[in-house]
Amino acid sequence: MATIGVRLENSPPAAFQVYNLPTKGVATLCCPCFTGDGTSVEDLTRAEVVMAGMVHRWLDNIRSEIVGFGNAFLLDCPQIGVRETRHIQGDHTLDIEEVFHQVDFPDSIGMGAHPIDTNPRPDWLKDHGTSYPAHWFFRIPFRCLVAQGVDNLMVVGRCISATHEASGCIRPTVQCMITGEAAGTAAALCVRNQYANVRDLPTDTLRSALQAQGVVL
């Protein structure tokens, strides 16, 4: 992956990312973005139109401004991806201070390390003095996956129980894989050991099984 800066028409320099794919000569570029309500069909439609135009303008500038992209052409422009909408209300709601300060949850089911990239941010996060600790990471508690007030309902991925700020760290692929493996493992253990409710599953049993599967706890 490479991050490239380019000036687009009369706008300030913009940064985007280039991901090499296994197919020779094919790359994925991101991230044009649009701010709106991901639960609003009007905003989603508007975003599709705005970003389609943005992609074509980017392509024109990339061809003329970046060495190696002179003959580039567009293969595909997928449907808009929504970073965040609704979250489950879980037995625990992960917040940004727990993420930043690396709280060691007794029911942690894995570690993430994606930076805090949501806006707006708490005022204390805007202070350059609040830099990340060395080798920074954070833990994800299993209770964030368990729906509050509902038996045997687990939710994984972007919509687990977390605040908006913490969601910026949870939403990327690696963290979604961690929560998905934990929920699948928990369900299998409940069936195997005949636990009627996922809340009856001992934390140590789940964590031991995840660790045996190679999960870093």
N, C-alpha and C. Protein backbone atom coordinates (compact mmCIF):
# COMPACT_ATOMS: atom_id res chain seq x y z
N MET A 1 0.83 -1.18 0.00
CA MET A 1 0.00 0.00 0.00
C MET A 1 0.87 1.24 0.00
N ALA A 2 0.48 2.24 -0.79
CA ALA A 2 1.21 3.50 -0.80
C ALA A 2 0.22 4.64 -0.65
N THR A 3 0.61 5.68 0.06
CA THR A 3 -0.21 6.88 0.16
C THR A 3 0.42 7.96 -0.70
N ILE A 4 -0.37 8.54 -1.59
CA ILE A 4 0.14 9.50 -2.55
C ILE A 4 -0.60 10.82 -2.37
N GLY A 5 0.14 11.93 -2.45
CA GLY A 5 -0.49 13.24 -2.38
C GLY A 5 -0.58 13.83 -3.78
N VAL A 6 -1.70 14.43 -4.13
CA VAL A 6 -1.87 15.03 -5.46
C VAL A 6 -2.81 16.23 -5.33
N ARG A 7 -2.55 17.27 -6.12
CA ARG A 7 -3.43 18.43 -6.11
C ARG A 7 -4.54 18.19 -7.14
N LEU A 8 -5.78 18.27 -6.70
CA LEU A 8 -6.93 18.00 -7.56
C LEU A 8 -7.57 19.31 -7.98
N GLU A 9 -7.44 19.64 -9.26
CA GLU A 9 -7.99 20.87 -9.83
C GLU A 9 -7.55 22.07 -8.98
N ASN A 10 -8.49 22.86 -8.47
CA ASN A 10 -8.13 24.04 -7.70
C ASN A 10 -8.22 23.81 -6.20
N SER A 11 -8.28 22.56 -5.80
CA SER A 11 -8.44 22.24 -4.38
C SER A 11 -7.07 22.07 -3.72
N PRO A 12 -7.02 22.09 -2.39
CA PRO A 12 -5.75 21.82 -1.68
C PRO A 12 -5.28 20.40 -1.98
N PRO A 13 -4.02 20.10 -1.74
CA PRO A 13 -3.53 18.74 -1.98
C PRO A 13 -4.34 17.72 -1.19
N ALA A 14 -4.67 16.61 -1.83
CA ALA A 14 -5.44 15.55 -1.17
C ALA A 14 -4.60 14.29 -1.13
N ALA A 15 -4.81 13.48 -0.12
CA ALA A 15 -4.10 12.21 0.00
C ALA A 15 -5.06 11.07 -0.26
N PHE A 16 -4.60 10.06 -0.94
CA PHE A 16 -5.39 8.86 -1.13
C PHE A 16 -4.46 7.66 -1.08
N GLN A 17 -5.02 6.49 -0.97
CA GLN A 17 -4.24 5.27 -0.81
C GLN A 17 -4.36 4.39 -2.04
N VAL A 18 -3.26 3.73 -2.38
CA VAL A 18 -3.23 2.80 -3.51
C VAL A 18 -2.91 1.41 -2.98
N TYR A 19 -3.79 0.46 -3.24
CA TYR A 19 -3.60 -0.93 -2.81
C TYR A 19 -3.31 -1.80 -4.03
N ASN A 20 -2.16 -2.46 -4.02
CA ASN A 20 -1.85 -3.40 -5.09
C ASN A 20 -2.73 -4.64 -4.96
N LEU A 21 -3.22 -5.14 -6.08
CA LEU A 21 -4.01 -6.37 -6.10
C LEU A 21 -3.22 -7.48 -6.76
N PRO A 22 -3.63 -8.75 -6.57
CA PRO A 22 -2.89 -9.86 -7.18
C PRO A 22 -2.84 -9.80 -8.71
N THR A 23 -3.86 -9.21 -9.33
CA THR A 23 -3.88 -9.10 -10.79
C THR A 23 -2.91 -8.02 -11.25
N LYS A 24 -1.99 -8.36 -12.11
CA LYS A 24 -0.96 -7.42 -12.56
C LYS A 24 -1.61 -6.20 -13.22
N GLY A 25 -1.15 -5.04 -12.81
CA GLY A 25 -1.63 -3.81 -13.42
C GLY A 25 -2.94 -3.29 -12.86
N VAL A 26 -3.50 -3.97 -11.86
CA VAL A 26 -4.78 -3.55 -11.27
C VAL A 26 -4.54 -3.10 -9.84
N ALA A 27 -5.10 -1.95 -9.50
CA ALA A 27 -4.94 -1.40 -8.15
C ALA A 27 -6.27 -0.83 -7.68
N THR A 28 -6.44 -0.81 -6.38
CA THR A 28 -7.61 -0.17 -5.76
C THR A 28 -7.17 1.14 -5.14
N LEU A 29 -7.92 2.21 -5.41
CA LEU A 29 -7.61 3.51 -4.86
C LEU A 29 -8.71 3.92 -3.89
N CYS A 30 -8.34 4.51 -2.77
CA CYS A 30 -9.29 5.08 -1.83
C CYS A 30 -8.59 6.23 -1.12
N CYS A 31 -9.26 7.18 -0.55
CA CYS A 31 -10.64 7.08 -0.15
C CYS A 31 -11.34 8.41 -0.45
N PRO A 32 -12.08 8.55 -1.53
CA PRO A 32 -12.97 9.71 -1.65
C PRO A 32 -14.07 9.57 -0.59
N CYS A 33 -14.50 10.65 0.00
CA CYS A 33 -15.46 10.53 1.08
C CYS A 33 -16.53 11.62 1.01
N PHE A 34 -17.63 11.35 1.68
CA PHE A 34 -18.79 12.25 1.71
C PHE A 34 -19.38 12.17 3.11
N THR A 35 -19.73 13.29 3.67
CA THR A 35 -20.31 13.32 5.01
C THR A 35 -21.83 13.38 4.93
N GLY A 36 -22.49 12.47 5.59
CA GLY A 36 -23.95 12.46 5.58
C GLY A 36 -24.48 11.45 6.57
N ASP A 37 -25.78 11.24 6.52
CA ASP A 37 -26.46 10.29 7.41
C ASP A 37 -26.58 8.96 6.69
N GLY A 38 -25.89 7.95 7.21
CA GLY A 38 -25.90 6.63 6.57
C GLY A 38 -27.23 5.92 6.65
N THR A 39 -28.18 6.45 7.42
CA THR A 39 -29.52 5.86 7.49
C THR A 39 -30.51 6.60 6.60
N SER A 40 -30.05 7.61 5.87
CA SER A 40 -30.92 8.43 5.02
C SER A 40 -30.74 8.05 3.55
N VAL A 41 -31.81 7.63 2.91
CA VAL A 41 -31.72 7.26 1.49
C VAL A 41 -31.35 8.48 0.64
N GLU A 42 -31.81 9.66 1.06
CA GLU A 42 -31.47 10.87 0.31
C GLU A 42 -29.98 11.17 0.38
N ASP A 43 -29.41 11.05 1.58
CA ASP A 43 -27.97 11.30 1.72
C ASP A 43 -27.15 10.24 0.98
N LEU A 44 -27.58 9.00 1.03
CA LEU A 44 -26.85 7.94 0.34
C LEU A 44 -26.88 8.15 -1.17
N THR A 45 -28.02 8.56 -1.70
CA THR A 45 -28.13 8.84 -3.14
C THR A 45 -27.26 10.02 -3.53
N ARG A 46 -27.33 11.07 -2.73
CA ARG A 46 -26.51 12.25 -3.00
C ARG A 46 -25.02 11.89 -2.98
N ALA A 47 -24.63 11.06 -2.03
CA ALA A 47 -23.24 10.66 -1.92
C ALA A 47 -22.79 9.87 -3.14
N GLU A 48 -23.65 8.99 -3.65
CA GLU A 48 -23.30 8.20 -4.85
C GLU A 48 -23.00 9.13 -6.02
N VAL A 49 -23.85 10.15 -6.20
CA VAL A 49 -23.69 11.07 -7.33
C VAL A 49 -22.42 11.91 -7.17
N VAL A 50 -22.25 12.47 -5.96
CA VAL A 50 -21.09 13.33 -5.71
C VAL A 50 -19.79 12.56 -5.88
N MET A 51 -19.74 11.35 -5.32
CA MET A 51 -18.49 10.60 -5.35
C MET A 51 -18.19 10.01 -6.72
N ALA A 52 -19.22 9.71 -7.50
CA ALA A 52 -18.97 9.25 -8.87
C ALA A 52 -18.25 10.34 -9.66
N GLY A 53 -18.72 11.59 -9.49
CA GLY A 53 -18.04 12.70 -10.15
C GLY A 53 -16.63 12.89 -9.62
N MET A 54 -16.47 12.73 -8.32
CA MET A 54 -15.16 12.88 -7.71
C MET A 54 -14.17 11.86 -8.25
N VAL A 55 -14.61 10.61 -8.39
CA VAL A 55 -13.73 9.55 -8.88
C VAL A 55 -13.23 9.87 -10.29
N HIS A 56 -14.12 10.34 -11.14
CA HIS A 56 -13.71 10.66 -12.52
C HIS A 56 -12.75 11.85 -12.56
N ARG A 57 -12.96 12.84 -11.68
CA ARG A 57 -12.01 13.95 -11.64
C ARG A 57 -10.66 13.49 -11.12
N TRP A 58 -10.69 12.62 -10.11
CA TRP A 58 -9.44 12.06 -9.59
C TRP A 58 -8.68 11.33 -10.69
N LEU A 59 -9.42 10.53 -11.46
CA LEU A 59 -8.78 9.74 -12.51
C LEU A 59 -8.09 10.63 -13.53
N ASP A 60 -8.75 11.72 -13.92
CA ASP A 60 -8.14 12.65 -14.87
C ASP A 60 -6.85 13.23 -14.30
N ASN A 61 -6.87 13.62 -13.03
CA ASN A 61 -5.69 14.20 -12.41
C ASN A 61 -4.59 13.17 -12.20
N ILE A 62 -4.97 11.96 -11.84
CA ILE A 62 -3.99 10.90 -11.64
C ILE A 62 -3.24 10.62 -12.93
N ARG A 63 -3.98 10.55 -14.04
CA ARG A 63 -3.33 10.29 -15.34
C ARG A 63 -2.29 11.36 -15.68
N SER A 64 -2.61 12.60 -15.38
CA SER A 64 -1.74 13.69 -15.80
C SER A 64 -0.66 14.04 -14.78
N GLU A 65 -0.87 13.68 -13.50
CA GLU A 65 0.03 14.16 -12.46
C GLU A 65 0.93 13.08 -11.85
N ILE A 66 0.58 11.80 -11.96
CA ILE A 66 1.35 10.77 -11.26
C ILE A 66 2.02 9.83 -12.26
N VAL A 67 3.32 9.71 -12.12
CA VAL A 67 4.10 8.85 -13.01
C VAL A 67 3.62 7.40 -12.89
N GLY A 68 3.43 6.75 -14.02
CA GLY A 68 3.01 5.36 -14.03
C GLY A 68 1.52 5.17 -14.20
N PHE A 69 0.74 6.26 -14.10
CA PHE A 69 -0.70 6.16 -14.24
C PHE A 69 -1.22 6.81 -15.52
N GLY A 70 -0.32 7.08 -16.45
CA GLY A 70 -0.71 7.79 -17.67
C GLY A 70 -1.78 7.08 -18.48
N ASN A 71 -1.79 5.75 -18.46
CA ASN A 71 -2.77 4.98 -19.23
C ASN A 71 -3.84 4.34 -18.34
N ALA A 72 -3.97 4.84 -17.14
CA ALA A 72 -4.94 4.26 -16.19
C ALA A 72 -6.37 4.44 -16.69
N PHE A 73 -7.20 3.45 -16.38
CA PHE A 73 -8.63 3.57 -16.69
C PHE A 73 -9.43 2.90 -15.57
N LEU A 74 -10.70 3.27 -15.48
CA LEU A 74 -11.55 2.82 -14.39
C LEU A 74 -12.18 1.47 -14.72
N LEU A 75 -11.92 0.47 -13.88
CA LEU A 75 -12.53 -0.85 -14.05
C LEU A 75 -13.89 -0.93 -13.35
N ASP A 76 -13.96 -0.37 -12.16
CA ASP A 76 -15.19 -0.52 -11.37
C ASP A 76 -15.24 0.57 -10.31
N CYS A 77 -16.44 1.01 -10.00
CA CYS A 77 -16.65 1.96 -8.91
C CYS A 77 -17.80 1.39 -8.08
N PRO A 78 -17.47 0.69 -6.98
CA PRO A 78 -18.49 -0.03 -6.22
C PRO A 78 -19.46 0.90 -5.50
N GLN A 79 -20.53 0.31 -5.00
CA GLN A 79 -21.51 1.07 -4.24
C GLN A 79 -20.86 1.68 -3.00
N ILE A 80 -21.35 2.83 -2.63
CA ILE A 80 -20.79 3.55 -1.48
C ILE A 80 -20.79 2.65 -0.24
N GLY A 81 -19.70 2.75 0.52
CA GLY A 81 -19.62 2.02 1.78
C GLY A 81 -19.89 2.96 2.95
N VAL A 82 -20.70 2.52 3.88
CA VAL A 82 -21.07 3.35 5.02
C VAL A 82 -20.23 2.95 6.23
N ARG A 83 -19.53 3.90 6.81
CA ARG A 83 -18.64 3.59 7.93
C ARG A 83 -19.41 3.30 9.22
N GLU A 84 -20.47 4.04 9.46
CA GLU A 84 -21.12 3.90 10.76
C GLU A 84 -22.57 4.37 10.68
N THR A 85 -23.45 3.56 11.23
CA THR A 85 -24.84 4.01 11.43
C THR A 85 -25.22 3.65 12.86
N ARG A 86 -26.08 2.66 13.01
CA ARG A 86 -26.57 2.30 14.34
C ARG A 86 -25.64 1.29 15.02
N HIS A 87 -25.66 1.31 16.35
CA HIS A 87 -24.90 0.35 17.15
C HIS A 87 -25.87 -0.41 18.06
N ILE A 88 -25.53 -1.66 18.32
CA ILE A 88 -26.28 -2.43 19.29
C ILE A 88 -26.05 -1.84 20.70
N GLN A 89 -27.04 -1.95 21.56
CA GLN A 89 -26.86 -1.64 22.98
C GLN A 89 -26.43 -2.94 23.64
N GLY A 90 -25.16 -3.04 23.99
CA GLY A 90 -24.63 -4.28 24.54
C GLY A 90 -24.52 -4.26 26.05
N ASP A 91 -24.08 -5.39 26.59
CA ASP A 91 -23.86 -5.47 28.04
C ASP A 91 -22.76 -4.52 28.49
N HIS A 92 -21.90 -4.12 27.56
CA HIS A 92 -20.90 -3.08 27.84
C HIS A 92 -20.76 -2.22 26.59
N THR A 93 -20.61 -0.93 26.76
CA THR A 93 -20.37 -0.02 25.64
C THR A 93 -18.94 0.48 25.71
N LEU A 94 -18.15 0.11 24.73
CA LEU A 94 -16.75 0.49 24.69
C LEU A 94 -16.64 1.98 24.38
N ASP A 95 -15.87 2.71 25.19
CA ASP A 95 -15.71 4.14 24.91
C ASP A 95 -14.26 4.47 24.60
N ILE A 96 -14.05 5.70 24.15
CA ILE A 96 -12.74 6.07 23.62
C ILE A 96 -11.67 6.13 24.70
N GLU A 97 -12.03 6.47 25.92
CA GLU A 97 -11.02 6.50 26.98
C GLU A 97 -10.54 5.09 27.31
N GLU A 98 -11.44 4.11 27.26
CA GLU A 98 -11.04 2.72 27.48
C GLU A 98 -10.11 2.25 26.37
N VAL A 99 -10.40 2.69 25.15
CA VAL A 99 -9.53 2.34 24.02
C VAL A 99 -8.17 2.99 24.17
N PHE A 100 -8.18 4.30 24.39
CA PHE A 100 -6.91 5.05 24.45
C PHE A 100 -6.02 4.59 25.59
N HIS A 101 -6.64 4.31 26.74
CA HIS A 101 -5.86 3.94 27.92
C HIS A 101 -5.66 2.43 28.05
N GLN A 102 -6.01 1.68 27.02
CA GLN A 102 -5.70 0.26 26.94
C GLN A 102 -6.22 -0.53 28.14
N VAL A 103 -7.48 -0.33 28.46
CA VAL A 103 -8.08 -1.02 29.61
C VAL A 103 -8.00 -2.53 29.40
N ASP A 104 -7.57 -3.24 30.44
CA ASP A 104 -7.42 -4.70 30.37
C ASP A 104 -8.70 -5.35 30.88
N PHE A 105 -9.64 -5.63 29.96
CA PHE A 105 -10.92 -6.23 30.34
C PHE A 105 -10.75 -7.70 30.67
N PRO A 106 -11.41 -8.20 31.70
CA PRO A 106 -11.30 -9.62 32.04
C PRO A 106 -11.90 -10.53 30.97
N ASP A 107 -12.83 -9.98 30.15
CA ASP A 107 -13.44 -10.78 29.09
C ASP A 107 -12.96 -10.36 27.70
N SER A 108 -11.74 -9.84 27.62
CA SER A 108 -11.18 -9.43 26.33
C SER A 108 -11.11 -10.62 25.38
N ILE A 109 -11.56 -10.41 24.15
CA ILE A 109 -11.54 -11.50 23.16
C ILE A 109 -10.57 -11.19 22.01
N GLY A 110 -9.73 -10.19 22.18
CA GLY A 110 -8.74 -9.88 21.16
C GLY A 110 -8.28 -8.44 21.25
N MET A 111 -7.27 -8.12 20.46
CA MET A 111 -6.68 -6.79 20.47
C MET A 111 -6.81 -6.13 19.11
N GLY A 112 -7.00 -4.83 19.13
CA GLY A 112 -6.99 -4.03 17.91
C GLY A 112 -5.90 -2.99 18.01
N ALA A 113 -5.59 -2.33 16.88
CA ALA A 113 -4.55 -1.30 16.91
C ALA A 113 -4.82 -0.20 15.90
N HIS A 114 -6.06 -0.11 15.41
CA HIS A 114 -6.36 0.95 14.45
C HIS A 114 -6.41 2.29 15.16
N PRO A 115 -5.84 3.35 14.57
CA PRO A 115 -5.82 4.65 15.24
C PRO A 115 -7.21 5.26 15.37
N ILE A 116 -7.31 6.24 16.24
CA ILE A 116 -8.57 6.96 16.47
C ILE A 116 -8.75 7.95 15.33
N ASP A 117 -9.72 7.70 14.45
CA ASP A 117 -9.83 8.53 13.24
C ASP A 117 -11.22 9.14 13.04
N THR A 118 -12.03 9.17 14.10
CA THR A 118 -13.37 9.72 13.96
C THR A 118 -13.38 11.22 14.26
N ASN A 119 -14.36 11.91 13.69
CA ASN A 119 -14.56 13.33 13.95
C ASN A 119 -16.04 13.59 14.18
N PRO A 120 -16.40 14.54 15.07
CA PRO A 120 -15.49 15.30 15.91
C PRO A 120 -14.90 14.44 17.02
N ARG A 121 -13.80 14.90 17.60
CA ARG A 121 -13.13 14.17 18.66
C ARG A 121 -13.26 14.92 19.99
N PRO A 122 -13.12 14.21 21.10
CA PRO A 122 -13.09 14.92 22.38
C PRO A 122 -11.94 15.92 22.41
N ASP A 123 -12.11 17.01 23.15
CA ASP A 123 -11.09 18.05 23.18
C ASP A 123 -9.73 17.52 23.61
N TRP A 124 -9.73 16.56 24.57
CA TRP A 124 -8.44 16.06 25.05
C TRP A 124 -7.69 15.29 23.98
N LEU A 125 -8.39 14.79 22.96
CA LEU A 125 -7.73 14.07 21.88
C LEU A 125 -7.09 15.01 20.86
N LYS A 126 -7.49 16.28 20.87
CA LYS A 126 -6.94 17.24 19.93
C LYS A 126 -5.59 17.78 20.40
N ASP A 127 -5.24 17.49 21.63
CA ASP A 127 -3.98 17.95 22.21
C ASP A 127 -2.85 17.06 21.72
N HIS A 128 -1.85 17.67 21.10
CA HIS A 128 -0.74 16.87 20.57
C HIS A 128 0.03 16.16 21.68
N GLY A 129 -0.17 16.60 22.92
CA GLY A 129 0.50 15.94 24.04
C GLY A 129 -0.07 14.57 24.35
N THR A 130 -1.28 14.29 23.83
CA THR A 130 -1.90 12.98 24.08
C THR A 130 -1.50 12.01 22.98
N SER A 131 -0.21 11.86 22.78
CA SER A 131 0.25 10.94 21.73
C SER A 131 0.05 9.51 22.19
N TYR A 132 0.01 8.61 21.22
CA TYR A 132 -0.19 7.20 21.54
C TYR A 132 1.00 6.65 22.33
N PRO A 133 0.73 5.79 23.29
CA PRO A 133 1.85 5.12 23.97
C PRO A 133 2.62 4.24 22.97
N ALA A 134 3.86 3.93 23.31
CA ALA A 134 4.64 3.04 22.45
C ALA A 134 3.96 1.68 22.33
N HIS A 135 3.99 1.11 21.14
CA HIS A 135 3.38 -0.20 20.88
C HIS A 135 1.89 -0.19 21.29
N TRP A 136 1.20 0.85 20.92
CA TRP A 136 -0.18 1.05 21.35
C TRP A 136 -1.11 -0.01 20.75
N PHE A 137 -2.07 -0.45 21.54
CA PHE A 137 -3.11 -1.37 21.11
C PHE A 137 -4.29 -1.18 22.06
N PHE A 138 -5.38 -1.83 21.80
CA PHE A 138 -6.51 -1.79 22.73
C PHE A 138 -7.19 -3.15 22.74
N ARG A 139 -7.97 -3.41 23.78
CA ARG A 139 -8.65 -4.69 23.92
C ARG A 139 -10.15 -4.52 23.70
N ILE A 140 -10.79 -5.60 23.24
CA ILE A 140 -12.22 -5.60 22.93
C ILE A 140 -12.92 -6.57 23.88
N PRO A 141 -13.81 -6.10 24.74
CA PRO A 141 -14.50 -7.01 25.67
C PRO A 141 -15.64 -7.76 24.99
N PHE A 142 -15.80 -9.00 25.36
CA PHE A 142 -16.86 -9.84 24.79
C PHE A 142 -18.24 -9.25 25.03
N ARG A 143 -18.42 -8.57 26.16
CA ARG A 143 -19.74 -8.02 26.49
C ARG A 143 -20.24 -7.01 25.47
N CYS A 144 -19.34 -6.43 24.69
CA CYS A 144 -19.75 -5.48 23.64
C CYS A 144 -20.48 -6.18 22.49
N LEU A 145 -20.33 -7.50 22.42
CA LEU A 145 -20.96 -8.28 21.35
C LEU A 145 -22.33 -8.81 21.76
N VAL A 146 -22.62 -8.79 23.05
CA VAL A 146 -23.83 -9.42 23.58
C VAL A 146 -24.92 -8.38 23.76
N ALA A 147 -26.04 -8.59 23.06
CA ALA A 147 -27.14 -7.61 23.07
C ALA A 147 -27.77 -7.52 24.45
N GLN A 148 -27.88 -6.31 24.94
CA GLN A 148 -28.43 -6.08 26.27
C GLN A 148 -29.92 -6.42 26.29
N GLY A 149 -30.35 -7.19 27.29
CA GLY A 149 -31.76 -7.51 27.45
C GLY A 149 -32.30 -8.55 26.50
N VAL A 150 -31.43 -9.20 25.74
CA VAL A 150 -31.85 -10.23 24.78
C VAL A 150 -31.00 -11.47 25.01
N ASP A 151 -31.62 -12.64 25.03
CA ASP A 151 -30.88 -13.88 25.21
C ASP A 151 -30.30 -14.37 23.89
N ASN A 152 -29.03 -14.77 23.94
CA ASN A 152 -28.38 -15.47 22.82
C ASN A 152 -28.35 -14.67 21.52
N LEU A 153 -28.22 -13.37 21.64
CA LEU A 153 -28.03 -12.53 20.45
C LEU A 153 -26.68 -11.84 20.55
N MET A 154 -25.80 -12.17 19.60
CA MET A 154 -24.49 -11.51 19.51
C MET A 154 -24.41 -10.76 18.20
N VAL A 155 -23.76 -9.62 18.24
CA VAL A 155 -23.58 -8.78 17.05
C VAL A 155 -22.08 -8.54 16.87
N VAL A 156 -21.61 -8.61 15.63
CA VAL A 156 -20.17 -8.44 15.39
C VAL A 156 -19.95 -7.35 14.34
N GLY A 157 -18.67 -6.99 14.21
CA GLY A 157 -18.32 -6.01 13.19
C GLY A 157 -18.57 -4.59 13.62
N ARG A 158 -18.94 -3.75 12.68
CA ARG A 158 -19.05 -2.31 12.91
C ARG A 158 -20.14 -1.93 13.91
N CYS A 159 -21.13 -2.76 14.07
CA CYS A 159 -22.29 -2.35 14.88
C CYS A 159 -22.26 -2.91 16.29
N ILE A 160 -21.08 -3.34 16.80
CA ILE A 160 -21.01 -3.77 18.19
C ILE A 160 -21.23 -2.55 19.11
N SER A 161 -21.38 -2.80 20.38
CA SER A 161 -21.69 -1.75 21.34
C SER A 161 -20.45 -0.89 21.61
N ALA A 162 -20.43 0.30 21.01
CA ALA A 162 -19.31 1.22 21.16
C ALA A 162 -19.78 2.63 20.88
N THR A 163 -19.10 3.60 21.47
CA THR A 163 -19.42 4.99 21.19
C THR A 163 -18.92 5.36 19.78
N HIS A 164 -19.34 6.52 19.31
CA HIS A 164 -18.92 6.99 17.98
C HIS A 164 -17.40 7.06 17.89
N GLU A 165 -16.76 7.63 18.91
CA GLU A 165 -15.30 7.78 18.86
C GLU A 165 -14.60 6.42 18.86
N ALA A 166 -15.04 5.52 19.73
CA ALA A 166 -14.43 4.19 19.78
C ALA A 166 -14.70 3.41 18.51
N SER A 167 -15.82 3.68 17.87
CA SER A 167 -16.15 2.98 16.63
C SER A 167 -15.11 3.20 15.55
N GLY A 168 -14.45 4.36 15.58
CA GLY A 168 -13.41 4.61 14.60
C GLY A 168 -12.27 3.62 14.67
N CYS A 169 -12.06 3.04 15.85
CA CYS A 169 -11.01 2.03 16.03
C CYS A 169 -11.53 0.62 15.76
N ILE A 170 -12.84 0.41 15.93
CA ILE A 170 -13.43 -0.92 15.84
C ILE A 170 -13.81 -1.30 14.42
N ARG A 171 -14.19 -0.31 13.61
CA ARG A 171 -14.83 -0.59 12.32
C ARG A 171 -13.95 -1.28 11.27
N PRO A 172 -12.59 -1.12 11.26
CA PRO A 172 -11.80 -1.72 10.19
C PRO A 172 -11.78 -3.25 10.22
N THR A 173 -11.28 -3.82 9.13
CA THR A 173 -11.39 -5.25 8.87
C THR A 173 -10.84 -6.14 9.98
N VAL A 174 -9.64 -5.84 10.47
CA VAL A 174 -9.00 -6.72 11.45
C VAL A 174 -9.86 -6.85 12.70
N GLN A 175 -10.34 -5.71 13.20
CA GLN A 175 -11.16 -5.75 14.41
C GLN A 175 -12.48 -6.49 14.16
N CYS A 176 -13.04 -6.34 12.96
CA CYS A 176 -14.26 -7.08 12.62
C CYS A 176 -14.01 -8.58 12.60
N MET A 177 -12.84 -8.98 12.11
CA MET A 177 -12.48 -10.40 12.12
C MET A 177 -12.37 -10.94 13.55
N ILE A 178 -11.81 -10.12 14.44
CA ILE A 178 -11.65 -10.53 15.84
C ILE A 178 -13.01 -10.77 16.48
N THR A 179 -13.94 -9.84 16.30
CA THR A 179 -15.26 -9.99 16.92
C THR A 179 -16.04 -11.14 16.28
N GLY A 180 -15.87 -11.34 14.99
CA GLY A 180 -16.57 -12.44 14.32
C GLY A 180 -16.09 -13.80 14.80
N GLU A 181 -14.78 -13.95 14.96
CA GLU A 181 -14.24 -15.22 15.45
C GLU A 181 -14.70 -15.48 16.89
N ALA A 182 -14.73 -14.42 17.69
CA ALA A 182 -15.14 -14.59 19.09
C ALA A 182 -16.58 -15.03 19.20
N ALA A 183 -17.47 -14.42 18.43
CA ALA A 183 -18.89 -14.78 18.49
C ALA A 183 -19.12 -16.19 17.97
N GLY A 184 -18.45 -16.55 16.88
CA GLY A 184 -18.60 -17.90 16.34
C GLY A 184 -18.09 -18.96 17.30
N THR A 185 -16.95 -18.66 17.93
CA THR A 185 -16.39 -19.60 18.91
C THR A 185 -17.30 -19.72 20.12
N ALA A 186 -17.84 -18.60 20.59
CA ALA A 186 -18.75 -18.63 21.74
C ALA A 186 -19.99 -19.46 21.43
N ALA A 187 -20.55 -19.29 20.25
CA ALA A 187 -21.74 -20.06 19.87
C ALA A 187 -21.44 -21.55 19.83
N ALA A 188 -20.29 -21.91 19.26
CA ALA A 188 -19.92 -23.32 19.17
C ALA A 188 -19.70 -23.92 20.56
N LEU A 189 -19.07 -23.17 21.45
CA LEU A 189 -18.83 -23.67 22.80
C LEU A 189 -20.13 -23.86 23.57
N CYS A 190 -21.07 -22.95 23.35
CA CYS A 190 -22.37 -23.07 24.02
C CYS A 190 -23.10 -24.34 23.58
N VAL A 191 -23.05 -24.63 22.28
CA VAL A 191 -23.69 -25.84 21.76
C VAL A 191 -22.99 -27.08 22.29
N ARG A 192 -21.66 -27.07 22.24
CA ARG A 192 -20.88 -28.24 22.67
C ARG A 192 -21.07 -28.54 24.16
N ASN A 193 -21.13 -27.49 24.96
CA ASN A 193 -21.21 -27.67 26.42
C ASN A 193 -22.62 -27.50 26.97
N GLN A 194 -23.58 -27.35 26.07
CA GLN A 194 -25.00 -27.27 26.42
C GLN A 194 -25.32 -26.13 27.38
N TYR A 195 -24.72 -24.98 27.10
CA TYR A 195 -25.10 -23.78 27.84
C TYR A 195 -26.34 -23.19 27.18
N ALA A 196 -27.37 -22.95 27.96
CA ALA A 196 -28.62 -22.45 27.40
C ALA A 196 -28.53 -20.98 27.00
N ASN A 197 -27.59 -20.25 27.59
CA ASN A 197 -27.47 -18.82 27.33
C ASN A 197 -25.99 -18.48 27.17
N VAL A 198 -25.68 -17.66 26.20
CA VAL A 198 -24.28 -17.31 25.96
C VAL A 198 -23.66 -16.62 27.17
N ARG A 199 -24.50 -15.99 27.98
CA ARG A 199 -23.98 -15.35 29.19
C ARG A 199 -23.51 -16.38 30.23
N ASP A 200 -23.95 -17.62 30.08
CA ASP A 200 -23.52 -18.68 31.01
C ASP A 200 -22.14 -19.22 30.66
N LEU A 201 -21.65 -18.89 29.48
CA LEU A 201 -20.35 -19.39 29.04
C LEU A 201 -19.24 -18.73 29.87
N PRO A 202 -18.44 -19.50 30.59
CA PRO A 202 -17.37 -18.91 31.39
C PRO A 202 -16.36 -18.16 30.51
N THR A 203 -15.99 -17.00 30.97
CA THR A 203 -15.04 -16.17 30.21
C THR A 203 -13.74 -16.92 29.96
N ASP A 204 -13.24 -17.63 30.97
CA ASP A 204 -11.97 -18.34 30.82
C ASP A 204 -12.06 -19.43 29.75
N THR A 205 -13.22 -20.05 29.63
CA THR A 205 -13.41 -21.09 28.62
C THR A 205 -13.32 -20.50 27.22
N LEU A 206 -13.99 -19.36 27.04
CA LEU A 206 -13.95 -18.69 25.73
C LEU A 206 -12.55 -18.21 25.41
N ARG A 207 -11.90 -17.57 26.34
CA ARG A 207 -10.57 -17.02 26.10
C ARG A 207 -9.54 -18.13 25.83
N SER A 208 -9.67 -19.25 26.52
CA SER A 208 -8.75 -20.37 26.29
C SER A 208 -8.92 -20.93 24.89
N ALA A 209 -10.18 -21.04 24.45
CA ALA A 209 -10.45 -21.55 23.10
C ALA A 209 -9.91 -20.60 22.05
N LEU A 210 -10.09 -19.31 22.26
CA LEU A 210 -9.58 -18.32 21.30
C LEU A 210 -8.06 -18.35 21.25
N GLN A 211 -7.44 -18.45 22.41
CA GLN A 211 -5.99 -18.50 22.46
C GLN A 211 -5.46 -19.73 21.75
N ALA A 212 -6.15 -20.86 21.89
CA ALA A 212 -5.74 -22.08 21.20
C ALA A 212 -5.86 -21.94 19.69
N GLN A 213 -6.74 -21.05 19.24
CA GLN A 213 -6.91 -20.81 17.81
C GLN A 213 -5.92 -19.76 17.27
N GLY A 214 -5.09 -19.24 18.16
CA GLY A 214 -4.06 -18.29 17.72
C GLY A 214 -4.41 -16.85 17.94
N VAL A 215 -5.53 -16.57 18.61
CA VAL A 215 -5.91 -15.19 18.89
C VAL A 215 -4.98 -14.60 19.95
N VAL A 216 -4.53 -13.39 19.71
CA VAL A 216 -3.65 -12.70 20.67
C VAL A 216 -4.54 -11.98 21.68
N LEU A 217 -4.46 -12.40 22.92
CA LEU A 217 -5.28 -11.83 23.98
C LEU A 217 -4.49 -10.86 24.85
